[in-house]
């Protein structure tokens, strides 16, 4: 199932024109490319989140080390 790019109504995949507003819908080739790009963006976002968590953990460990008394 897909959604019209103009009016947002749900429709079957593979239609050329929206049955609600009549506007032309993107072709299968464009949709496949956009899905692929969306997957790449999602993967990069997950990598960035993992890196940020790793940096936060390192900063926390550094702060714990700096707070230890030095005798």
C-alpha atoms as a PDB file:
ATOM      1  CA  UNK A   1       0.000   0.000   0.000  1.00  0.00           C
ATOM      2  CA  UNK A   2       1.138   3.483  -0.769  1.00  0.00           C
ATOM      3  CA  UNK A   3      -0.003   7.025  -0.276  1.00  0.00           C
ATOM      4  CA  UNK A   4      -0.743   9.738  -2.809  1.00  0.00           C
ATOM      5  CA  UNK A   5       2.066  12.276  -3.005  1.00  0.00           C
ATOM      6  CA  UNK A   6      -0.501  15.066  -3.406  1.00  0.00           C
ATOM      7  CA  UNK A   7      -3.509  14.344  -1.188  1.00  0.00           C
ATOM      8  CA  UNK A   8      -2.106  11.650   1.125  1.00  0.00           C
ATOM      9  CA  UNK A   9      -4.915   9.129   0.554  1.00  0.00           C
ATOM     10  CA  UNK A  10      -3.918   5.475   0.748  1.00  0.00           C
ATOM     11  CA  UNK A  11      -3.964   3.464  -2.480  1.00  0.00           C
ATOM     12  CA  UNK A  12      -2.684   0.243  -4.005  1.00  0.00           C
ATOM     13  CA  UNK A  13       0.945   0.066  -5.137  1.00  0.00           C
ATOM     14  CA  UNK A  14       1.600   0.430  -8.838  1.00  0.00           C
ATOM     15  CA  UNK A  15      -1.160   2.876  -9.746  1.00  0.00           C
ATOM     16  CA  UNK A  16      -0.359   5.730 -12.100  1.00  0.00           C
ATOM     17  CA  UNK A  17      -3.018   8.181 -10.946  1.00  0.00           C
ATOM     18  CA  UNK A  18      -4.645   8.759  -7.558  1.00  0.00           C
ATOM     19  CA  UNK A  19      -8.302   7.715  -7.565  1.00  0.00           C
ATOM     20  CA  UNK A  20      -9.142  10.510  -5.103  1.00  0.00           C
ATOM     21  CA  UNK A  21      -7.435  13.595  -6.547  1.00  0.00           C
ATOM     22  CA  UNK A  22      -6.342  12.378  -9.997  1.00  0.00           C
ATOM     23  CA  UNK A  23      -2.717  13.463  -9.678  1.00  0.00           C
ATOM     24  CA  UNK A  24      -0.018  11.349 -11.287  1.00  0.00           C
ATOM     25  CA  UNK A  25       1.992   9.121  -8.960  1.00  0.00           C
ATOM     26  CA  UNK A  26       5.718   8.328  -9.215  1.00  0.00           C
ATOM     27  CA  UNK A  27       6.727   5.243 -11.187  1.00  0.00           C
ATOM     28  CA  UNK A  28       8.039   2.001  -9.723  1.00  0.00           C
ATOM     29  CA  UNK A  29      11.637   2.821 -10.702  1.00  0.00           C
ATOM     30  CA  UNK A  30      11.576   6.131  -8.803  1.00  0.00           C
ATOM     31  CA  UNK A  31       9.930   4.503  -5.786  1.00  0.00           C
ATOM     32  CA  UNK A  32      12.603   1.789  -5.699  1.00  0.00           C
ATOM     33  CA  UNK A  33      15.351   4.413  -5.810  1.00  0.00           C
ATOM     34  CA  UNK A  34      13.715   6.452  -3.046  1.00  0.00           C
ATOM     35  CA  UNK A  35      13.300   3.350  -0.854  1.00  0.00           C
ATOM     36  CA  UNK A  36      16.979   2.527  -1.359  1.00  0.00           C
ATOM     37  CA  UNK A  37      18.010   6.068  -0.424  1.00  0.00           C
ATOM     38  CA  UNK A  38      15.762   5.959   2.650  1.00  0.00           C
ATOM     39  CA  UNK A  39      17.421   2.709   3.762  1.00  0.00           C
ATOM     40  CA  UNK A  40      20.864   4.302   3.351  1.00  0.00           C
ATOM     41  CA  UNK A  41      19.812   7.353   5.382  1.00  0.00           C
ATOM     42  CA  UNK A  42      18.408   5.094   8.111  1.00  0.00           C
ATOM     43  CA  UNK A  43      21.673   3.122   8.241  1.00  0.00           C
ATOM     44  CA  UNK A  44      23.765   6.314   8.454  1.00  0.00           C
ATOM     45  CA  UNK A  45      21.494   7.614  11.247  1.00  0.00           C
ATOM     46  CA  UNK A  46      21.993   4.400  13.212  1.00  0.00           C
ATOM     47  CA  UNK A  47      25.758   4.681  12.767  1.00  0.00           C
ATOM     48  CA  UNK A  48      25.723   8.298  13.964  1.00  0.00           C
ATOM     49  CA  UNK A  49      23.668   7.364  17.039  1.00  0.00           C
ATOM     50  CA  UNK A  50      26.071   4.526  17.884  1.00  0.00           C
ATOM     51  CA  UNK A  51      29.048   6.863  17.518  1.00  0.00           C
ATOM     52  CA  UNK A  52      27.402   9.488  19.736  1.00  0.00           C
ATOM     53  CA  UNK A  53      26.698   6.880  22.414  1.00  0.00           C
ATOM     54  CA  UNK A  54      30.287   5.688  22.240  1.00  0.00           C
ATOM     55  CA  UNK A  55      31.574   9.240  22.629  1.00  0.00           C
ATOM     56  CA  UNK A  56      29.260   9.853  25.591  1.00  0.00           C
ATOM     57  CA  UNK A  57      30.503   6.670  27.250  1.00  0.00           C
ATOM     58  CA  UNK A  58      34.122   7.708  26.720  1.00  0.00           C
ATOM     59  CA  UNK A  59      33.422  11.157  28.142  1.00  0.00           C
ATOM     60  CA  UNK A  60      31.686   9.619  31.169  1.00  0.00           C
ATOM     61  CA  UNK A  61      34.650   7.315  31.780  1.00  0.00           C
ATOM     62  CA  UNK A  62      37.065  10.240  31.463  1.00  0.00           C
ATOM     63  CA  UNK A  63      35.016  12.266  33.953  1.00  0.00           C
ATOM     64  CA  UNK A  64      35.011   9.354  36.407  1.00  0.00           C
ATOM     65  CA  UNK A  65      38.788   9.049  36.075  1.00  0.00           C
ATOM     66  CA  UNK A  66      39.293  12.796  36.636  1.00  0.00           C
ATOM     67  CA  UNK A  67      37.137  12.737  39.768  1.00  0.00           C
ATOM     68  CA  UNK A  68      39.186  10.020  41.494  1.00  0.00           C
ATOM     69  CA  UNK A  69      41.385  11.337  44.304  1.00  0.00           C
ATOM     70  CA  UNK A  70      45.065  11.413  43.474  1.00  0.00           C
ATOM     71  CA  UNK A  71      47.299  10.486  46.378  1.00  0.00           C
END
